[in-house]
Amino acid sequence: MIDDRVVRVSLEINGELRTYEGLRIRANGTKYTSPTQNESTITVSGLRAETRDYILGSIDITRGTFTPRRVILEVGRRSLGTFVLFVGDIVGAEVTEPPEVDLILKAKTNNSNNGRVVSTSSGERTTLREIAQQVAGENGLRLVFEAPNKNVSNYQFIGTASQQVRDLERIGGTVDCFIDDDTLFVKSVEQPVSGRIRILSMGTGLVGIPRATDIGVDVSYLLDAESALGGLLRLDSRFNRTLSGDYVIQELKFDVSTHDDPFFYHASCRRLVNV
């Protein structure tokens, strides 16, 4: 029997972390294996008026400061514990009209670095890994580098810290550069991130029938802690055996709720020819 869901929202504002749980919460969003920012919309019901006022006042995005106002979304089950599903900077906040006053937060990953301009350059020759490490540092991220470490000549960049990720993918060539929560990933386009694997079948959470696409497959399945952006998905399709096989998760949508039906991933995947 599947036990109770846990959906927890934490707000990190001016160095102070406040966590909200046991409320009616719904969240959806999309993560990308590209420089496109991951995004999420989180709706919280049942907050006291003074709590809503504090949150709205503290994350007023019209104040013109680039200090991150971060939201952390954790989900899971009572018996199994929780895992971090999304981390991002709040880019919008509003409340709905009475009688049910909900707080709606919109967030994007690494958004605070959109307003910070950096200028960097390297010597006559450096490596892609060294540039990636510099980009990660400029954005306050950890680095996972799993791509061919080619040489780069006379690298220069002037722009926002977050734009460096897109520039890194440009000079990397056949690589995916993306941010997932607090980590910058640089990997080969055709290969999954090592150590990230989800084995999926009807017995392990698959919902509905997989749908073939021009690059692979779209699947829906129950939320879990094993699936990861850029990771390997090994599909066992009972109703369409031709779709069974290994894929890279290229886009990962999520839809979770404490009180309604949604508690799912929707993944768009590229088929792997060789692993």
C-alpha atoms as a PDB file:
ATOM      1  CA  MET A   1       0.000   0.000   0.000  1.00  0.00           C
ATOM      2  CA  ILE A   2       1.355   3.454  -0.940  1.00  0.00           C
ATOM      3  CA  ASP A   3       1.430   5.721   2.105  1.00  0.00           C
ATOM      4  CA  ASP A   4       0.805   9.440   2.468  1.00  0.00           C
ATOM      5  CA  ARG A   5       2.480  11.950   0.199  1.00  0.00           C
ATOM      6  CA  VAL A   6       4.769  14.658   1.468  1.00  0.00           C
ATOM      7  CA  VAL A   7       5.076  17.972  -0.367  1.00  0.00           C
ATOM      8  CA  ARG A   8       7.240  20.542   1.387  1.00  0.00           C
ATOM      9  CA  VAL A   9       8.047  24.104   0.323  1.00  0.00           C
ATOM     10  CA  SER A  10      10.973  26.023   1.809  1.00  0.00           C
ATOM     11  CA  LEU A  11      11.698  29.698   1.177  1.00  0.00           C
ATOM     12  CA  GLU A  12      15.219  31.045   1.634  1.00  0.00           C
ATOM     13  CA  ILE A  13      14.992  34.818   2.007  1.00  0.00           C
ATOM     14  CA  ASN A  14      17.872  37.008   3.158  1.00  0.00           C
ATOM     15  CA  GLY A  15      19.670  33.969   4.531  1.00  0.00           C
ATOM     16  CA  GLU A  16      16.643  32.776   6.551  1.00  0.00           C
ATOM     17  CA  LEU A  17      14.979  29.460   5.671  1.00  0.00           C
ATOM     18  CA  ARG A  18      11.277  28.982   6.374  1.00  0.00           C
ATOM     19  CA  THR A  19       9.592  25.642   5.636  1.00  0.00           C
ATOM     20  CA  TYR A  20       5.881  25.050   5.037  1.00  0.00           C
ATOM     21  CA  GLU A  21       4.322  21.588   5.235  1.00  0.00           C
ATOM     22  CA  GLY A  22       0.918  20.083   6.005  1.00  0.00           C
ATOM     23  CA  LEU A  23      -0.840  22.587   3.757  1.00  0.00           C
ATOM     24  CA  ARG A  24      -2.613  22.135   0.450  1.00  0.00           C
ATOM     25  CA  ILE A  25       0.199  22.448  -2.097  1.00  0.00           C
ATOM     26  CA  ARG A  26       0.293  21.932  -5.840  1.00  0.00           C
ATOM     27  CA  ALA A  27       3.361  22.327  -8.045  1.00  0.00           C
ATOM     28  CA  ASN A  28       4.230  21.755 -11.666  1.00  0.00           C
ATOM     29  CA  GLY A  29       7.245  22.562 -13.761  1.00  0.00           C
ATOM     30  CA  THR A  30       9.712  21.552 -16.444  1.00  0.00           C
ATOM     31  CA  LYS A  31      13.430  20.757 -16.418  1.00  0.00           C
ATOM     32  CA  TYR A  32      15.565  20.886 -19.573  1.00  0.00           C
ATOM     33  CA  THR A  33      18.893  19.364 -20.657  1.00  0.00           C
ATOM     34  CA  SER A  34      19.790  22.682 -22.268  1.00  0.00           C
ATOM     35  CA  PRO A  35      20.678  26.204 -21.090  1.00  0.00           C
ATOM     36  CA  THR A  36      16.942  26.947 -20.918  1.00  0.00           C
ATOM     37  CA  GLN A  37      16.100  27.695 -17.289  1.00  0.00           C
ATOM     38  CA  ASN A  38      14.154  25.080 -15.373  1.00  0.00           C
ATOM     39  CA  GLU A  39      10.845  26.542 -14.203  1.00  0.00           C
ATOM     40  CA  SER A  40       8.090  25.831 -11.726  1.00  0.00           C
ATOM     41  CA  THR A  41       4.790  27.231 -10.466  1.00  0.00           C
ATOM     42  CA  ILE A  42       3.923  26.435  -6.857  1.00  0.00           C
ATOM     43  CA  THR A  43       0.528  27.133  -5.301  1.00  0.00           C
ATOM     44  CA  VAL A  44       0.139  27.062  -1.520  1.00  0.00           C
ATOM     45  CA  SER A  45      -3.293  27.155   0.155  1.00  0.00           C
ATOM     46  CA  GLY A  46      -4.113  27.590   3.837  1.00  0.00           C
ATOM     47  CA  LEU A  47      -1.454  30.094   4.859  1.00  0.00           C
ATOM     48  CA  ARG A  48      -2.367  32.618   7.523  1.00  0.00           C
ATOM     49  CA  ALA A  49      -2.808  36.184   6.275  1.00  0.00           C
ATOM     50  CA  GLU A  50       0.217  37.455   8.207  1.00  0.00           C
ATOM     51  CA  THR A  51       2.364  34.679   6.744  1.00  0.00           C
ATOM     52  CA  ARG A  52       1.256  35.541   3.204  1.00  0.00           C
ATOM     53  CA  ASP A  53       1.982  39.220   3.837  1.00  0.00           C
ATOM     54  CA  TYR A  54       5.452  38.399   5.147  1.00  0.00           C
ATOM     55  CA  ILE A  55       6.275  36.267   2.109  1.00  0.00           C
ATOM     56  CA  LEU A  56       4.918  38.793  -0.409  1.00  0.00           C
ATOM     57  CA  GLY A  57       6.781  41.634   1.288  1.00  0.00           C
ATOM     58  CA  SER A  58      10.036  39.720   1.533  1.00  0.00           C
ATOM     59  CA  ILE A  59      10.142  38.604  -2.082  1.00  0.00           C
ATOM     60  CA  ASP A  60       8.959  41.842  -3.688  1.00  0.00           C
ATOM     61  CA  ILE A  61      10.733  41.547  -7.040  1.00  0.00           C
ATOM     62  CA  THR A  62      10.212  45.256  -7.803  1.00  0.00           C
ATOM     63  CA  ARG A  63      12.869  46.304  -5.297  1.00  0.00           C
ATOM     64  CA  GLY A  64      15.673  45.930  -7.828  1.00  0.00           C
ATOM     65  CA  THR A  65      17.982  43.742  -5.751  1.00  0.00           C
ATOM     66  CA  PHE A  66      19.716  40.685  -7.153  1.00  0.00           C
ATOM     67  CA  THR A  67      19.857  38.916  -3.796  1.00  0.00           C
ATOM     68  CA  PRO A  68      18.445  35.424  -4.467  1.00  0.00           C
ATOM     69  CA  ARG A  69      15.050  34.631  -3.006  1.00  0.00           C
ATOM     70  CA  ARG A  70      15.101  30.886  -3.338  1.00  0.00           C
ATOM     71  CA  VAL A  71      12.366  28.271  -3.223  1.00  0.00           C
ATOM     72  CA  ILE A  72      13.083  24.597  -2.544  1.00  0.00           C
ATOM     73  CA  LEU A  73      10.442  21.989  -3.375  1.00  0.00           C
ATOM     74  CA  GLU A  74      10.723  18.572  -1.706  1.00  0.00           C
ATOM     75  CA  VAL A  75       8.411  15.632  -2.287  1.00  0.00           C
ATOM     76  CA  GLY A  76       8.150  12.009  -1.215  1.00  0.00           C
ATOM     77  CA  ARG A  77       6.303   9.513   0.957  1.00  0.00           C
ATOM     78  CA  ARG A  78       6.006   9.322   4.729  1.00  0.00           C
ATOM     79  CA  SER A  79       7.703   5.925   4.978  1.00  0.00           C
ATOM     80  CA  LEU A  80      10.402   6.584   2.363  1.00  0.00           C
ATOM     81  CA  GLY A  81      11.377  10.167   3.088  1.00  0.00           C
ATOM     82  CA  THR A  82      11.648  13.103   0.727  1.00  0.00           C
ATOM     83  CA  PHE A  83      13.953  14.269  -2.042  1.00  0.00           C
ATOM     84  CA  VAL A  84      14.547  17.653  -3.642  1.00  0.00           C
ATOM     85  CA  LEU A  85      12.489  17.996  -6.818  1.00  0.00           C
ATOM     86  CA  PHE A  86      13.191  21.630  -7.706  1.00  0.00           C
ATOM     87  CA  VAL A  87      15.366  24.531  -6.604  1.00  0.00           C
ATOM     88  CA  GLY A  88      14.961  27.960  -8.152  1.00  0.00           C
ATOM     89  CA  ASP A  89      14.901  31.714  -7.642  1.00  0.00           C
ATOM     90  CA  ILE A  90      11.486  33.305  -7.206  1.00  0.00           C
ATOM     91  CA  VAL A  91      10.585  35.517 -10.182  1.00  0.00           C
ATOM     92  CA  GLY A  92       6.949  36.242  -9.315  1.00  0.00           C
ATOM     93  CA  ALA A  93       4.449  36.024  -6.468  1.00  0.00           C
ATOM     94  CA  GLU A  94       0.752  36.756  -6.281  1.00  0.00           C
ATOM     95  CA  VAL A  95      -2.388  35.841  -4.370  1.00  0.00           C
ATOM     96  CA  THR A  96      -5.761  34.741  -5.671  1.00  0.00           C
ATOM     97  CA  GLU A  97      -9.048  36.412  -4.813  1.00  0.00           C
ATOM     98  CA  PRO A  98     -11.110  35.396  -1.730  1.00  0.00           C
ATOM     99  CA  PRO A  99     -12.687  33.321  -0.395  1.00  0.00           C
ATOM    100  CA  GLU A 100      -9.867  30.772  -0.956  1.00  0.00           C
ATOM    101  CA  VAL A 101      -6.765  32.934  -0.941  1.00  0.00           C
ATOM    102  CA  ASP A 102      -3.860  30.997  -2.469  1.00  0.00           C
ATOM    103  CA  LEU A 103      -0.251  32.102  -2.722  1.00  0.00           C
ATOM    104  CA  ILE A 104       1.213  31.446  -6.201  1.00  0.00           C
ATOM    105  CA  LEU A 105       4.985  31.438  -6.617  1.00  0.00           C
ATOM    106  CA  LYS A 106       6.815  31.297  -9.940  1.00  0.00           C
ATOM    107  CA  ALA A 107      10.482  30.325  -9.971  1.00  0.00           C
ATOM    108  CA  LYS A 108      13.346  29.718 -12.389  1.00  0.00           C
ATOM    109  CA  THR A 109      16.655  27.986 -11.808  1.00  0.00           C
ATOM    110  CA  ASN A 110      19.719  30.258 -11.473  1.00  0.00           C
ATOM    111  CA  ASN A 111      17.642  33.332 -12.269  1.00  0.00           C
ATOM    112  CA  SER A 112      19.515  35.636  -9.874  1.00  0.00           C
ATOM    113  CA  ASN A 113      22.617  35.381 -12.065  1.00  0.00           C
ATOM    114  CA  ASN A 114      20.735  36.883 -15.028  1.00  0.00           C
ATOM    115  CA  GLY A 115      21.526  40.319 -13.648  1.00  0.00           C
ATOM    116  CA  ARG A 116      25.201  39.862 -12.794  1.00  0.00           C
ATOM    117  CA  VAL A 117      27.638  40.794 -15.561  1.00  0.00           C
ATOM    118  CA  VAL A 118      30.989  39.002 -15.732  1.00  0.00           C
ATOM    119  CA  SER A 119      34.020  39.278 -17.990  1.00  0.00           C
ATOM    120  CA  THR A 120      36.380  36.329 -18.345  1.00  0.00           C
ATOM    121  CA  SER A 121      39.199  35.263 -20.618  1.00  0.00           C
ATOM    122  CA  SER A 122      41.714  32.433 -20.803  1.00  0.00           C
ATOM    123  CA  GLY A 123      45.174  32.016 -22.223  1.00  0.00           C
ATOM    124  CA  GLU A 124      46.059  30.991 -25.724  1.00  0.00           C
ATOM    125  CA  ARG A 125      44.895  27.460 -24.970  1.00  0.00           C
ATOM    126  CA  THR A 126      42.705  26.043 -22.247  1.00  0.00           C
ATOM    127  CA  THR A 127      40.353  23.057 -21.933  1.00  0.00           C
ATOM    128  CA  LEU A 128      36.593  22.771 -21.980  1.00  0.00           C
ATOM    129  CA  ARG A 129      36.682  21.328 -18.464  1.00  0.00           C
ATOM    130  CA  GLU A 130      38.599  24.338 -17.134  1.00  0.00           C
ATOM    131  CA  ILE A 131      36.110  26.727 -18.726  1.00  0.00           C
ATOM    132  CA  ALA A 132      33.196  24.685 -17.344  1.00  0.00           C
ATOM    133  CA  GLN A 133      34.710  24.855 -13.862  1.00  0.00           C
ATOM    134  CA  GLN A 134      34.996  28.620 -14.202  1.00  0.00           C
ATOM    135  CA  VAL A 135      31.371  28.906 -15.361  1.00  0.00           C
ATOM    136  CA  ALA A 136      30.206  26.771 -12.433  1.00  0.00           C
ATOM    137  CA  GLY A 137      32.150  28.948 -10.012  1.00  0.00           C
ATOM    138  CA  GLU A 138      30.761  32.183 -11.438  1.00  0.00           C
ATOM    139  CA  ASN A 139      27.229  30.819 -10.930  1.00  0.00           C
ATOM    140  CA  GLY A 140      27.815  29.299  -7.482  1.00  0.00           C
ATOM    141  CA  LEU A 141      27.295  25.743  -8.737  1.00  0.00           C
ATOM    142  CA  ARG A 142      28.932  22.354  -8.438  1.00  0.00           C
ATOM    143  CA  LEU A 143      30.234  20.832 -11.671  1.00  0.00           C
ATOM    144  CA  VAL A 144      29.655  17.381 -13.145  1.00  0.00           C
ATOM    145  CA  PHE A 145      31.753  17.103 -16.311  1.00  0.00           C
ATOM    146  CA  GLU A 146      31.210  14.051 -18.542  1.00  0.00           C
ATOM    147  CA  ALA A 147      32.149  15.276 -22.034  1.00  0.00           C
ATOM    148  CA  PRO A 148      35.222  15.050 -24.275  1.00  0.00           C
ATOM    149  CA  ASN A 149      37.739  17.480 -22.801  1.00  0.00           C
ATOM    150  CA  LYS A 150      38.776  19.309 -25.952  1.00  0.00           C
ATOM    151  CA  ASN A 151      41.173  22.250 -26.185  1.00  0.00           C
ATOM    152  CA  VAL A 152      39.779  25.771 -26.642  1.00  0.00           C
ATOM    153  CA  SER A 153      41.852  28.680 -27.985  1.00  0.00           C
ATOM    154  CA  ASN A 154      41.623  32.272 -26.737  1.00  0.00           C
ATOM    155  CA  TYR A 155      38.333  31.921 -24.880  1.00  0.00           C
ATOM    156  CA  GLN A 156      36.655  35.216 -23.975  1.00  0.00           C
ATOM    157  CA  PHE A 157      33.228  36.030 -22.581  1.00  0.00           C
ATOM    158  CA  ILE A 158      31.421  39.226 -21.574  1.00  0.00           C
ATOM    159  CA  GLY A 159      27.802  38.977 -20.446  1.00  0.00           C
ATOM    160  CA  THR A 160      25.683  37.782 -17.560  1.00  0.00           C
ATOM    161  CA  ALA A 161      26.855  34.881 -15.429  1.00  0.00           C
ATOM    162  CA  SER A 162      23.865  32.770 -16.450  1.00  0.00           C
ATOM    163  CA  GLN A 163      24.502  33.357 -20.185  1.00  0.00           C
ATOM    164  CA  GLN A 164      27.851  31.620 -19.774  1.00  0.00           C
ATOM    165  CA  VAL A 165      26.025  28.281 -19.732  1.00  0.00           C
ATOM    166  CA  ARG A 166      24.684  28.876 -23.240  1.00  0.00           C
ATOM    167  CA  ASP A 167      28.117  30.002 -24.436  1.00  0.00           C
ATOM    168  CA  LEU A 168      29.691  26.915 -22.874  1.00  0.00           C
ATOM    169  CA  GLU A 169      27.345  24.677 -24.868  1.00  0.00           C
ATOM    170  CA  ARG A 170      28.217  26.613 -28.035  1.00  0.00           C
ATOM    171  CA  ILE A 171      31.951  26.091 -27.710  1.00  0.00           C
ATOM    172  CA  GLY A 172      31.498  22.518 -26.480  1.00  0.00           C
ATOM    173  CA  GLY A 173      29.872  21.394 -29.719  1.00  0.00           C
ATOM    174  CA  THR A 174      28.101  18.046 -29.292  1.00  0.00           C
ATOM    175  CA  VAL A 175      27.463  18.524 -25.569  1.00  0.00           C
ATOM    176  CA  ASP A 176      24.486  19.226 -23.325  1.00  0.00           C
ATOM    177  CA  CYS A 177      25.079  21.988 -20.768  1.00  0.00           C
ATOM    178  CA  PHE A 178      22.344  22.405 -18.184  1.00  0.00           C
ATOM    179  CA  ILE A 179      21.703  23.287 -14.561  1.00  0.00           C
ATOM    180  CA  ASP A 180      19.759  20.951 -12.314  1.00  0.00           C
ATOM    181  CA  ASP A 181      19.148  22.539  -8.908  1.00  0.00           C
ATOM    182  CA  ASP A 182      22.650  23.416  -7.607  1.00  0.00           C
ATOM    183  CA  THR A 183      24.758  21.586 -10.209  1.00  0.00           C
ATOM    184  CA  LEU A 184      26.044  22.412 -13.694  1.00  0.00           C
ATOM    185  CA  PHE A 185      26.158  19.332 -15.928  1.00  0.00           C
ATOM    186  CA  VAL A 186      28.287  19.101 -19.059  1.00  0.00           C
ATOM    187  CA  LYS A 187      27.802  15.806 -20.895  1.00  0.00           C
ATOM    188  CA  SER A 188      27.935  14.295 -24.368  1.00  0.00           C
ATOM    189  CA  VAL A 189      24.648  14.713 -26.240  1.00  0.00           C
ATOM    190  CA  GLU A 190      24.264  10.990 -26.955  1.00  0.00           C
ATOM    191  CA  GLN A 191      25.144   9.713 -23.480  1.00  0.00           C
ATOM    192  CA  PRO A 192      23.314   9.826 -20.131  1.00  0.00           C
ATOM    193  CA  VAL A 193      24.809  11.210 -16.946  1.00  0.00           C
ATOM    194  CA  SER A 194      26.489   8.312 -15.158  1.00  0.00           C
ATOM    195  CA  GLY A 195      24.855   6.978 -12.015  1.00  0.00           C
ATOM    196  CA  ARG A 196      21.417   8.334 -12.928  1.00  0.00           C
ATOM    197  CA  ILE A 197      19.145   5.448 -13.940  1.00  0.00           C
ATOM    198  CA  ARG A 198      15.421   4.689 -13.824  1.00  0.00           C
ATOM    199  CA  ILE A 199      14.111   1.237 -14.774  1.00  0.00           C
ATOM    200  CA  LEU A 200      10.507   1.700 -15.867  1.00  0.00           C
ATOM    201  CA  SER A 201       7.706  -0.779 -16.506  1.00  0.00           C
ATOM    202  CA  MET A 202       4.062  -1.238 -15.570  1.00  0.00           C
ATOM    203  CA  GLY A 203       5.228  -2.804 -12.324  1.00  0.00           C
ATOM    204  CA  THR A 204       7.496   0.098 -11.407  1.00  0.00           C
ATOM    205  CA  GLY A 205       5.237   3.083 -11.972  1.00  0.00           C
ATOM    206  CA  LEU A 206       4.572   3.453 -15.705  1.00  0.00           C
ATOM    207  CA  VAL A 207       1.242   5.212 -16.319  1.00  0.00           C
ATOM    208  CA  GLY A 208      -0.562   4.709 -19.615  1.00  0.00           C
ATOM    209  CA  ILE A 209       1.131   3.679 -22.847  1.00  0.00           C
ATOM    210  CA  PRO A 210       4.459   5.151 -24.028  1.00  0.00           C
ATOM    211  CA  ARG A 211       4.192   7.317 -27.134  1.00  0.00           C
ATOM    212  CA  ALA A 212       6.799   7.223 -29.886  1.00  0.00           C
ATOM    213  CA  THR A 213       8.350  10.517 -31.027  1.00  0.00           C
ATOM    214  CA  ASP A 214      10.755  11.431 -33.821  1.00  0.00           C
ATOM    215  CA  ILE A 215      13.729  11.076 -31.448  1.00  0.00           C
ATOM    216  CA  GLY A 216      12.534   8.498 -28.961  1.00  0.00           C
ATOM    217  CA  VAL A 217       9.605   8.288 -26.585  1.00  0.00           C
ATOM    218  CA  ASP A 218       7.335  10.258 -24.249  1.00  0.00           C
ATOM    219  CA  VAL A 219       6.328   8.489 -21.037  1.00  0.00           C
ATOM    220  CA  SER A 220       4.346   9.288 -17.901  1.00  0.00           C
ATOM    221  CA  TYR A 221       4.996   7.586 -14.589  1.00  0.00           C
ATOM    222  CA  LEU A 222       4.722   7.899 -10.832  1.00  0.00           C
ATOM    223  CA  LEU A 223       7.082  10.327  -9.140  1.00  0.00           C
ATOM    224  CA  ASP A 224      10.225   8.770  -7.696  1.00  0.00           C
ATOM    225  CA  ALA A 225      13.660   9.692  -6.367  1.00  0.00           C
ATOM    226  CA  GLU A 226      15.606   7.718  -8.998  1.00  0.00           C
ATOM    227  CA  SER A 227      14.648   9.634 -12.135  1.00  0.00           C
ATOM    228  CA  ALA A 228      16.983  12.473 -13.005  1.00  0.00           C
ATOM    229  CA  LEU A 229      17.351  15.001 -15.767  1.00  0.00           C
ATOM    230  CA  GLY A 230      19.919  13.790 -18.286  1.00  0.00           C
ATOM    231  CA  GLY A 231      19.889  10.324 -16.755  1.00  0.00           C
ATOM    232  CA  LEU A 232      19.208   6.904 -18.252  1.00  0.00           C
ATOM    233  CA  LEU A 233      15.656   5.591 -18.556  1.00  0.00           C
ATOM    234  CA  ARG A 234      15.401   1.860 -19.297  1.00  0.00           C
ATOM    235  CA  LEU A 235      11.896   1.174 -20.586  1.00  0.00           C
ATOM    236  CA  ASP A 236      10.090  -2.159 -20.642  1.00  0.00           C
ATOM    237  CA  SER A 237       6.931  -1.514 -22.679  1.00  0.00           C
ATOM    238  CA  ARG A 238       4.468  -4.387 -22.451  1.00  0.00           C
ATOM    239  CA  PHE A 239       2.052  -3.056 -25.097  1.00  0.00           C
ATOM    240  CA  ASN A 240       4.624  -1.779 -27.590  1.00  0.00           C
ATOM    241  CA  ARG A 241       7.774  -3.897 -27.423  1.00  0.00           C
ATOM    242  CA  THR A 242       9.467  -1.864 -30.171  1.00  0.00           C
ATOM    243  CA  LEU A 243       9.717   1.041 -27.724  1.00  0.00           C
ATOM    244  CA  SER A 244      11.508  -1.006 -25.069  1.00  0.00           C
ATOM    245  CA  GLY A 245      15.126  -0.024 -24.627  1.00  0.00           C
ATOM    246  CA  ASP A 246      17.445   2.618 -23.240  1.00  0.00           C
ATOM    247  CA  TYR A 247      16.868   6.379 -23.439  1.00  0.00           C
ATOM    248  CA  VAL A 248      18.278   9.665 -22.163  1.00  0.00           C
ATOM    249  CA  ILE A 249      15.785  11.847 -20.278  1.00  0.00           C
ATOM    250  CA  GLN A 250      15.973  15.156 -22.178  1.00  0.00           C
ATOM    251  CA  GLU A 251      13.006  16.974 -20.700  1.00  0.00           C
ATOM    252  CA  LEU A 252      11.346  16.183 -17.392  1.00  0.00           C
ATOM    253  CA  LYS A 253       7.995  17.686 -16.460  1.00  0.00           C
ATOM    254  CA  PHE A 254       6.529  17.175 -13.002  1.00  0.00           C
ATOM    255  CA  ASP A 255       3.046  17.615 -11.570  1.00  0.00           C
ATOM    256  CA  VAL A 256       2.527  17.050  -7.847  1.00  0.00           C
ATOM    257  CA  SER A 257      -0.257  17.735  -5.389  1.00  0.00           C
ATOM    258  CA  THR A 258      -0.956  16.968  -1.752  1.00  0.00           C
ATOM    259  CA  HIS A 259      -4.691  16.473  -2.124  1.00  0.00           C
ATOM    260  CA  ASP A 260      -5.482  15.877  -5.813  1.00  0.00           C
ATOM    261  CA  ASP A 261      -4.535  13.118  -8.258  1.00  0.00           C
ATOM    262  CA  PRO A 262      -1.270  14.441  -9.755  1.00  0.00           C
ATOM    263  CA  PHE A 263       1.967  12.909  -8.521  1.00  0.00           C
ATOM    264  CA  PHE A 264       3.654  12.221 -11.832  1.00  0.00           C
ATOM    265  CA  TYR A 265       6.625  12.738 -14.105  1.00  0.00           C
ATOM    266  CA  HIS A 266       6.185  13.279 -17.851  1.00  0.00           C
ATOM    267  CA  ALA A 267       9.499  12.609 -19.591  1.00  0.00           C
ATOM    268  CA  SER A 268      10.601  13.239 -23.167  1.00  0.00           C
ATOM    269  CA  CYS A 269      13.479  10.928 -23.996  1.00  0.00           C
ATOM    270  CA  ARG A 270      16.017  10.356 -26.761  1.00  0.00           C
ATOM    271  CA  ARG A 271      16.725   6.756 -27.725  1.00  0.00           C
ATOM    272  CA  LEU A 272      20.267   5.546 -27.139  1.00  0.00           C
ATOM    273  CA  VAL A 273      21.903   3.647 -29.974  1.00  0.00           C
ATOM    274  CA  ASN A 274      24.922   2.604 -27.944  1.00  0.00           C
ATOM    275  CA  VAL A 275      25.366   2.928 -24.182  1.00  0.00           C
END
